[in-house]
Amino acid sequence: MHKILIPLAIAVFTLSACETVQGAGQDISNAGDALTEESQDVQNDM
């Protein structure tokens, strides 16, 4: 039973970590988009 349980637990932790990294990547991308828009607004106002 332990031979099945340990790899299964490792797989679950690995997949959950991938979801976390993907979510963080999306957040960073959204922040970059917001900065780009703000910098374009500032350049247009000059």
Protein backbone atom coordinates (compact mmCIF):
# COMPACT_ATOMS: atom_id res chain seq x y z
CA MET A 1 0.00 0.00 0.00
CA HIS A 2 2.82 2.42 0.81
CA LYS A 3 4.42 1.77 -2.57
CA ILE A 4 1.37 3.30 -4.24
CA LEU A 5 0.65 6.01 -1.69
CA ILE A 6 4.05 7.72 -1.73
CA PRO A 7 4.29 8.26 -5.53
CA LEU A 8 0.67 9.39 -5.54
CA ALA A 9 1.38 11.97 -2.86
CA ILE A 10 4.43 13.21 -4.74
CA ALA A 11 2.36 13.55 -7.93
CA VAL A 12 -0.33 15.53 -6.13
CA PHE A 13 2.21 17.94 -4.61
CA THR A 14 3.94 18.37 -7.97
CA LEU A 15 0.71 19.16 -9.79
CA SER A 16 -0.42 21.61 -7.13
CA ALA A 17 2.94 23.38 -7.35
CA CYS A 18 2.50 23.72 -11.13
CA GLU A 19 -0.86 25.38 -10.62
CA THR A 20 0.67 27.79 -8.12
CA VAL A 21 3.51 28.73 -10.47
CA GLN A 22 1.07 29.19 -13.34
CA GLY A 23 -1.10 31.49 -11.22
CA ALA A 24 1.91 33.51 -10.11
CA GLY A 25 3.01 33.84 -13.73
CA GLN A 26 -0.39 35.18 -14.70
CA ASP A 27 -0.30 37.69 -11.82
CA ILE A 28 3.15 38.91 -12.87
CA SER A 29 2.02 39.18 -16.47
CA ASN A 30 -1.03 41.23 -15.46
CA ALA A 31 1.17 43.54 -13.39
CA GLY A 32 3.48 44.01 -16.37
CA ASP A 33 0.53 44.86 -18.59
CA ALA A 34 -0.68 47.45 -16.10
CA LEU A 35 2.78 49.04 -15.92
CA THR A 36 2.98 49.14 -19.70
CA GLU A 37 -0.38 50.90 -19.95
CA GLU A 38 0.56 53.43 -17.28
CA SER A 39 3.90 54.21 -18.90
CA GLN A 40 2.18 54.71 -22.26
CA ASP A 41 -0.28 57.11 -20.61
CA VAL A 42 2.58 59.10 -19.10
CA GLN A 43 4.41 59.27 -22.43
CA ASN A 44 1.25 60.43 -24.19
CA ASP A 45 0.76 63.21 -21.62
CA MET A 46 4.31 64.59 -22.17
